[in-house]
C-alpha atoms as a PDB file:
ATOM      1  CA  MET A   1     133.214 142.071  81.073  1.00  0.00           C
ATOM      2  CA  ARG A   2     133.976 138.589  82.431  1.00  0.00           C
ATOM      3  CA  LEU A   3     136.059 139.127  85.526  1.00  0.00           C
ATOM      4  CA  GLY A   4     138.975 136.764  86.003  1.00  0.00           C
ATOM      5  CA  VAL A   5     139.612 136.356  82.266  1.00  0.00           C
ATOM      6  CA  GLY A   6     142.953 137.905  81.388  1.00  0.00           C
ATOM      7  CA  VAL A   7     144.124 138.444  84.956  1.00  0.00           C
ATOM      8  CA  LYS A   8     147.799 137.789  84.491  1.00  0.00           C
ATOM      9  CA  PRO A   9     149.662 135.250  86.616  1.00  0.00           C
ATOM     10  CA  GLY A  10     151.470 136.791  89.543  1.00  0.00           C
ATOM     11  CA  THR A  11     149.273 139.889  89.809  1.00  0.00           C
ATOM     12  CA  PHE A  12     149.582 141.719  93.132  1.00  0.00           C
ATOM     13  CA  VAL A  13     146.785 144.124  94.140  1.00  0.00           C
ATOM     14  CA  VAL A  14     146.732 146.018  97.447  1.00  0.00           C
ATOM     15  CA  PHE A  15     143.837 147.862  99.100  1.00  0.00           C
ATOM     16  CA  GLU A  16     144.929 150.880 101.135  1.00  0.00           C
ATOM     17  CA  GLY A  17     143.254 153.706 103.021  1.00  0.00           C
ATOM     18  CA  LEU A  18     142.293 155.007 106.439  1.00  0.00           C
ATOM     19  CA  ASP A  19     140.500 152.937 109.035  1.00  0.00           C
ATOM     20  CA  GLY A  20     136.850 152.648 108.005  1.00  0.00           C
ATOM     21  CA  SER A  21     137.481 153.290 104.313  1.00  0.00           C
ATOM     22  CA  GLY A  22     136.078 149.897 103.292  1.00  0.00           C
ATOM     23  CA  LYS A  23     139.271 148.086 102.315  1.00  0.00           C
ATOM     24  CA  SER A  24     138.251 144.712 103.723  1.00  0.00           C
ATOM     25  CA  THR A  25     134.768 144.930 102.209  1.00  0.00           C
ATOM     26  CA  GLN A  26     136.035 145.805  98.747  1.00  0.00           C
ATOM     27  CA  LEU A  27     138.806 143.203  98.844  1.00  0.00           C
ATOM     28  CA  GLU A  28     136.296 140.470  99.658  1.00  0.00           C
ATOM     29  CA  ARG A  29     133.897 141.688  96.971  1.00  0.00           C
ATOM     30  CA  LEU A  30     136.657 141.552  94.379  1.00  0.00           C
ATOM     31  CA  ALA A  31     137.761 138.144  95.639  1.00  0.00           C
ATOM     32  CA  GLU A  32     134.230 136.796  95.246  1.00  0.00           C
ATOM     33  CA  ARG A  33     134.097 138.052  91.660  1.00  0.00           C
ATOM     34  CA  LEU A  34     137.443 136.506  90.811  1.00  0.00           C
ATOM     35  CA  ARG A  35     137.177 133.157  92.574  1.00  0.00           C
ATOM     36  CA  ALA A  36     134.869 131.630  89.978  1.00  0.00           C
ATOM     37  CA  GLU A  37     137.594 131.840  87.344  1.00  0.00           C
ATOM     38  CA  ALA A  38     140.790 132.340  89.354  1.00  0.00           C
ATOM     39  CA  SER A  39     141.303 129.290  91.527  1.00  0.00           C
ATOM     40  CA  THR A  40     144.825 130.448  92.389  1.00  0.00           C
ATOM     41  CA  LEU A  41     143.585 133.545  94.207  1.00  0.00           C
ATOM     42  CA  VAL A  42     145.202 134.377  97.595  1.00  0.00           C
ATOM     43  CA  THR A  43     143.765 136.937 100.012  1.00  0.00           C
ATOM     44  CA  THR A  44     145.825 138.307 102.873  1.00  0.00           C
ATOM     45  CA  GLY A  45     146.415 141.450 104.904  1.00  0.00           C
ATOM     46  CA  GLU A  46     148.553 143.284 107.418  1.00  0.00           C
ATOM     47  CA  PRO A  47     149.407 143.158 110.235  1.00  0.00           C
ATOM     48  CA  TRP A  48     149.834 139.568 109.085  1.00  0.00           C
ATOM     49  CA  SER A  49     148.497 136.994 111.540  1.00  0.00           C
ATOM     50  CA  GLY A  50     151.043 134.429 110.339  1.00  0.00           C
ATOM     51  CA  SER A  51     153.852 136.400 111.973  1.00  0.00           C
ATOM     52  CA  PRO A  52     154.293 136.703 115.745  1.00  0.00           C
ATOM     53  CA  TRP A  53     154.997 140.379 115.099  1.00  0.00           C
ATOM     54  CA  GLY A  54     151.517 140.776 113.623  1.00  0.00           C
ATOM     55  CA  ALA A  55     149.964 139.549 116.875  1.00  0.00           C
ATOM     56  CA  ARG A  56     152.177 141.914 118.857  1.00  0.00           C
ATOM     57  CA  ILE A  57     151.086 144.866 116.721  1.00  0.00           C
ATOM     58  CA  ARG A  58     147.391 144.023 117.183  1.00  0.00           C
ATOM     59  CA  ALA A  59     147.837 143.711 120.951  1.00  0.00           C
ATOM     60  CA  MET A  60     149.723 147.010 121.125  1.00  0.00           C
ATOM     61  CA  ALA A  61     147.074 148.838 119.070  1.00  0.00           C
ATOM     62  CA  ARG A  62     144.264 147.575 121.281  1.00  0.00           C
ATOM     63  CA  ALA A  63     146.112 148.265 124.518  1.00  0.00           C
ATOM     64  CA  GLY A  64     146.238 151.958 123.668  1.00  0.00           C
ATOM     65  CA  GLU A  65     149.909 152.294 124.596  1.00  0.00           C
ATOM     66  CA  PRO A  66     151.938 153.305 121.525  1.00  0.00           C
ATOM     67  CA  LEU A  67     155.559 152.328 121.136  1.00  0.00           C
ATOM     68  CA  PRO A  68     158.278 154.846 120.377  1.00  0.00           C
ATOM     69  CA  PRO A  69     157.897 155.551 116.623  1.00  0.00           C
ATOM     70  CA  GLU A  70     161.178 153.912 115.612  1.00  0.00           C
ATOM     71  CA  GLU A  71     160.307 150.733 117.517  1.00  0.00           C
ATOM     72  CA  GLU A  72     156.802 150.683 116.051  1.00  0.00           C
ATOM     73  CA  LEU A  73     158.295 150.921 112.562  1.00  0.00           C
ATOM     74  CA  ARG A  74     160.629 148.001 113.311  1.00  0.00           C
ATOM     75  CA  TRP A  75     157.687 145.832 114.387  1.00  0.00           C
ATOM     76  CA  PHE A  76     155.858 146.548 111.139  1.00  0.00           C
ATOM     77  CA  LEU A  77     158.968 145.800 109.088  1.00  0.00           C
ATOM     78  CA  TYR A  78     159.568 142.526 110.955  1.00  0.00           C
ATOM     79  CA  GLN A  79     156.022 141.288 110.282  1.00  0.00           C
ATOM     80  CA  ARG A  80     156.228 142.395 106.622  1.00  0.00           C
ATOM     81  CA  ARG A  81     159.461 140.523 106.068  1.00  0.00           C
ATOM     82  CA  ASP A  82     157.774 137.392 107.422  1.00  0.00           C
ATOM     83  CA  HIS A  83     154.690 138.068 105.287  1.00  0.00           C
ATOM     84  CA  VAL A  84     156.669 138.591 102.094  1.00  0.00           C
ATOM     85  CA  ARG A  85     159.043 135.682 102.646  1.00  0.00           C
ATOM     86  CA  GLU A  86     156.463 133.123 103.714  1.00  0.00           C
ATOM     87  CA  LEU A  87     153.383 134.059 101.680  1.00  0.00           C
ATOM     88  CA  ILE A  88     153.571 136.909  99.179  1.00  0.00           C
ATOM     89  CA  ARG A  89     156.746 136.064  97.233  1.00  0.00           C
ATOM     90  CA  PRO A  90     155.985 132.320  97.021  1.00  0.00           C
ATOM     91  CA  ALA A  91     152.406 132.995  95.882  1.00  0.00           C
ATOM     92  CA  LEU A  92     153.518 135.426  93.184  1.00  0.00           C
ATOM     93  CA  ALA A  93     156.268 133.035  92.047  1.00  0.00           C
ATOM     94  CA  GLU A  94     153.619 130.336  91.627  1.00  0.00           C
ATOM     95  CA  GLY A  95     151.554 132.642  89.421  1.00  0.00           C
ATOM     96  CA  ARG A  96     148.864 133.260  92.004  1.00  0.00           C
ATOM     97  CA  ILE A  97     146.773 136.428  92.157  1.00  0.00           C
ATOM     98  CA  VAL A  98     147.397 138.103  95.530  1.00  0.00           C
ATOM     99  CA  LEU A  99     144.918 140.570  97.066  1.00  0.00           C
ATOM    100  CA  CYS A 100     146.259 142.278 100.199  1.00  0.00           C
ATOM    101  CA  ASP A 101     144.490 144.455 102.791  1.00  0.00           C
ATOM    102  CA  ARG A 102     147.188 147.013 103.735  1.00  0.00           C
ATOM    103  CA  TYR A 103     150.874 146.857 102.859  1.00  0.00           C
ATOM    104  CA  TYR A 104     153.821 149.232 102.953  1.00  0.00           C
ATOM    105  CA  LEU A 105     151.913 152.412 102.009  1.00  0.00           C
ATOM    106  CA  SER A 106     150.059 152.099 105.313  1.00  0.00           C
ATOM    107  CA  THR A 107     153.453 152.143 107.020  1.00  0.00           C
ATOM    108  CA  VAL A 108     154.434 155.193 104.984  1.00  0.00           C
ATOM    109  CA  ALA A 109     151.265 157.030 106.075  1.00  0.00           C
ATOM    110  CA  TYR A 110     150.800 155.783 109.623  1.00  0.00           C
ATOM    111  CA  GLN A 111     154.387 155.760 110.792  1.00  0.00           C
ATOM    112  CA  GLY A 112     154.906 158.973 108.842  1.00  0.00           C
ATOM    113  CA  ALA A 113     152.059 160.392 110.945  1.00  0.00           C
ATOM    114  CA  ARG A 114     154.120 159.406 113.988  1.00  0.00           C
ATOM    115  CA  GLY A 115     156.761 161.878 112.832  1.00  0.00           C
ATOM    116  CA  LEU A 116     159.082 159.552 110.918  1.00  0.00           C
ATOM    117  CA  ASP A 117     160.345 160.326 107.408  1.00  0.00           C
ATOM    118  CA  ALA A 118     157.546 159.116 105.127  1.00  0.00           C
ATOM    119  CA  ALA A 119     159.578 159.597 101.942  1.00  0.00           C
ATOM    120  CA  ALA A 120     162.443 157.502 103.316  1.00  0.00           C
ATOM    121  CA  ILE A 121     160.062 154.731 104.417  1.00  0.00           C
ATOM    122  CA  LEU A 122     158.569 154.670 100.913  1.00  0.00           C
ATOM    123  CA  GLN A 123     161.944 154.565  99.172  1.00  0.00           C
ATOM    124  CA  GLU A 124     163.273 151.815 101.424  1.00  0.00           C
ATOM    125  CA  SER A 125     160.062 149.792 101.139  1.00  0.00           C
ATOM    126  CA  GLU A 126     160.041 149.906  97.345  1.00  0.00           C
ATOM    127  CA  ALA A 127     163.658 148.736  97.361  1.00  0.00           C
ATOM    128  CA  GLU A 128     163.084 145.811  99.756  1.00  0.00           C
ATOM    129  CA  PHE A 129     159.572 144.505  99.101  1.00  0.00           C
ATOM    130  CA  PRO A 130     157.609 143.460  95.981  1.00  0.00           C
ATOM    131  CA  VAL A 131     156.001 146.552  94.464  1.00  0.00           C
ATOM    132  CA  PRO A 132     152.283 145.960  93.796  1.00  0.00           C
ATOM    133  CA  ASP A 133     150.938 145.971  90.261  1.00  0.00           C
ATOM    134  CA  LEU A 134     148.167 148.189  91.605  1.00  0.00           C
ATOM    135  CA  VAL A 135     147.299 149.910  94.874  1.00  0.00           C
ATOM    136  CA  LEU A 136     143.642 150.875  95.245  1.00  0.00           C
ATOM    137  CA  LEU A 137     143.709 153.811  97.673  1.00  0.00           C
ATOM    138  CA  LEU A 138     140.215 154.191  99.124  1.00  0.00           C
ATOM    139  CA  GLU A 139     139.808 157.823 100.148  1.00  0.00           C
ATOM    140  CA  ILE A 140     137.520 158.926 102.973  1.00  0.00           C
ATOM    141  CA  GLY A 141     137.644 161.631 105.612  1.00  0.00           C
ATOM    142  CA  PRO A 142     138.914 160.688 109.076  1.00  0.00           C
ATOM    143  CA  ALA A 143     135.635 161.641 110.797  1.00  0.00           C
ATOM    144  CA  GLU A 144     133.567 159.445 108.479  1.00  0.00           C
ATOM    145  CA  GLY A 145     136.082 156.628 108.792  1.00  0.00           C
ATOM    146  CA  LEU A 146     135.881 156.715 112.576  1.00  0.00           C
ATOM    147  CA  ARG A 147     132.075 156.813 112.426  1.00  0.00           C
ATOM    148  CA  ARG A 148     132.108 153.639 110.357  1.00  0.00           C
ATOM    149  CA  VAL A 149     134.657 151.985 112.641  1.00  0.00           C
ATOM    150  CA  GLY A 150     132.483 152.771 115.657  1.00  0.00           C
ATOM    151  CA  GLY A 151     129.478 151.129 114.044  1.00  0.00           C
ATOM    152  CA  ARG A 152     131.003 147.818 113.063  1.00  0.00           C
ATOM    153  CA  GLY A 153     131.588 146.353 116.523  1.00  0.00           C
ATOM    154  CA  ASP A 154     135.252 145.411 116.158  1.00  0.00           C
ATOM    155  CA  PRO A 155     137.672 145.776 119.083  1.00  0.00           C
ATOM    156  CA  ASP A 156     138.899 149.338 119.459  1.00  0.00           C
ATOM    157  CA  GLU A 157     142.466 150.147 118.406  1.00  0.00           C
ATOM    158  CA  PRO A 158     142.986 153.499 120.164  1.00  0.00           C
ATOM    159  CA  VAL A 159     146.641 153.757 119.171  1.00  0.00           C
ATOM    160  CA  PHE A 160     145.598 154.335 115.551  1.00  0.00           C
ATOM    161  CA  GLU A 161     141.873 155.196 115.666  1.00  0.00           C
ATOM    162  CA  ARG A 162     142.190 158.850 116.693  1.00  0.00           C
ATOM    163  CA  ARG A 163     141.047 161.732 114.546  1.00  0.00           C
ATOM    164  CA  ASP A 164     144.153 163.878 114.938  1.00  0.00           C
ATOM    165  CA  PHE A 165     146.386 160.940 114.043  1.00  0.00           C
ATOM    166  CA  LEU A 166     144.243 159.896 111.060  1.00  0.00           C
ATOM    167  CA  GLU A 167     144.216 163.462 109.759  1.00  0.00           C
ATOM    168  CA  ARG A 168     148.015 163.387 109.619  1.00  0.00           C
ATOM    169  CA  ALA A 169     147.969 159.969 107.925  1.00  0.00           C
ATOM    170  CA  ALA A 170     145.381 161.201 105.421  1.00  0.00           C
ATOM    171  CA  ARG A 171     147.629 164.100 104.419  1.00  0.00           C
ATOM    172  CA  ILE A 172     150.475 161.687 103.684  1.00  0.00           C
ATOM    173  CA  PHE A 173     148.198 159.404 101.654  1.00  0.00           C
ATOM    174  CA  HIS A 174     147.021 162.490  99.741  1.00  0.00           C
ATOM    175  CA  GLU A 175     150.587 163.484  98.877  1.00  0.00           C
ATOM    176  CA  LEU A 176     151.626 160.086  97.501  1.00  0.00           C
ATOM    177  CA  ALA A 177     152.696 160.237  93.860  1.00  0.00           C
ATOM    178  CA  CYS A 178     153.314 156.538  93.130  1.00  0.00           C
ATOM    179  CA  ASP A 179     152.396 155.601  89.573  1.00  0.00           C
ATOM    180  CA  TYR A 180     150.908 152.299  90.739  1.00  0.00           C
ATOM    181  CA  VAL A 181     148.280 154.023  92.933  1.00  0.00           C
ATOM    182  CA  GLU A 182     144.674 154.524  91.788  1.00  0.00           C
ATOM    183  CA  ARG A 183     142.585 156.774  94.035  1.00  0.00           C
ATOM    184  CA  ILE A 184     139.018 155.635  94.714  1.00  0.00           C
ATOM    185  CA  ASP A 185     136.280 157.815  96.236  1.00  0.00           C
ATOM    186  CA  ALA A 186     135.157 155.622  99.132  1.00  0.00           C
ATOM    187  CA  THR A 187     132.385 157.910 100.389  1.00  0.00           C
ATOM    188  CA  GLY A 188     129.654 156.279  98.288  1.00  0.00           C
ATOM    189  CA  ASP A 189     127.742 153.071  98.877  1.00  0.00           C
ATOM    190  CA  PRO A 190     129.651 149.781  98.531  1.00  0.00           C
ATOM    191  CA  ASP A 191     128.252 149.070  95.050  1.00  0.00           C
ATOM    192  CA  ALA A 192     129.488 152.427  93.732  1.00  0.00           C
ATOM    193  CA  VAL A 193     132.902 151.904  95.289  1.00  0.00           C
ATOM    194  CA  GLN A 194     133.095 148.413  93.806  1.00  0.00           C
ATOM    195  CA  ALA A 195     132.302 149.788  90.361  1.00  0.00           C
ATOM    196  CA  ALA A 196     135.154 152.273  90.742  1.00  0.00           C
ATOM    197  CA  VAL A 197     137.511 149.483  91.867  1.00  0.00           C
ATOM    198  CA  LEU A 198     136.643 147.370  88.838  1.00  0.00           C
ATOM    199  CA  GLY A 199     137.067 150.379  86.562  1.00  0.00           C
ATOM    200  CA  ALA A 200     140.542 150.991  87.942  1.00  0.00           C
ATOM    201  CA  LEU A 201     141.528 147.365  87.400  1.00  0.00           C
ATOM    202  CA  GLU A 202     140.240 147.488  83.845  1.00  0.00           C
ATOM    203  CA  ARG A 203     142.099 150.734  83.056  1.00  0.00           C
ATOM    204  CA  ARG A 204     145.314 149.117  84.267  1.00  0.00           C
ATOM    205  CA  GLY A 205     144.761 146.117  82.019  1.00  0.00           C
ATOM    206  CA  LEU A 206     144.441 143.748  84.964  1.00  0.00           C
ATOM    207  CA  LEU A 207     140.975 142.482  83.986  1.00  0.00           C
END
């Protein structure tokens, strides 16, 4: 299989999952495989650094002082509107392949875990934002995810990196029934997870 051949113009692939599930690693691995033959590849992620709201979200998460849930949701929606308007929609319109680390399903799960209506967030997000061609949902237990997060040396984000909170988010991810979601067992080594990612892309006719 020659990766990159047959990837249709304007393909939008999102990596989702709990903290520590390996989203960033698998996105970059896929990007490396595609770059040789897909010069129009764009990689991005959320919270999006190109929006002032993305910087605010990062600062809030690291400060350990959560916002009221409704306000937190508004911040995520503000940064996503910037992200979609300024990067995602233009890239897709130009026929670029877009790989994104987190998108609206993270809002469904994480702000749903705050007590907001996850189903309503999903419905409203699908109506407002571009729906991905494929979401690769990397599944891992909260305890293992936090163990991995603790070992990688990144700044702590105590607002989100708590086991009780991630357990609630994991339940929402588990209950998702979107037909564009492929579930990937992320408990194995990175090579095994990558093989599963590539298999999912091939099954969907995206490779």
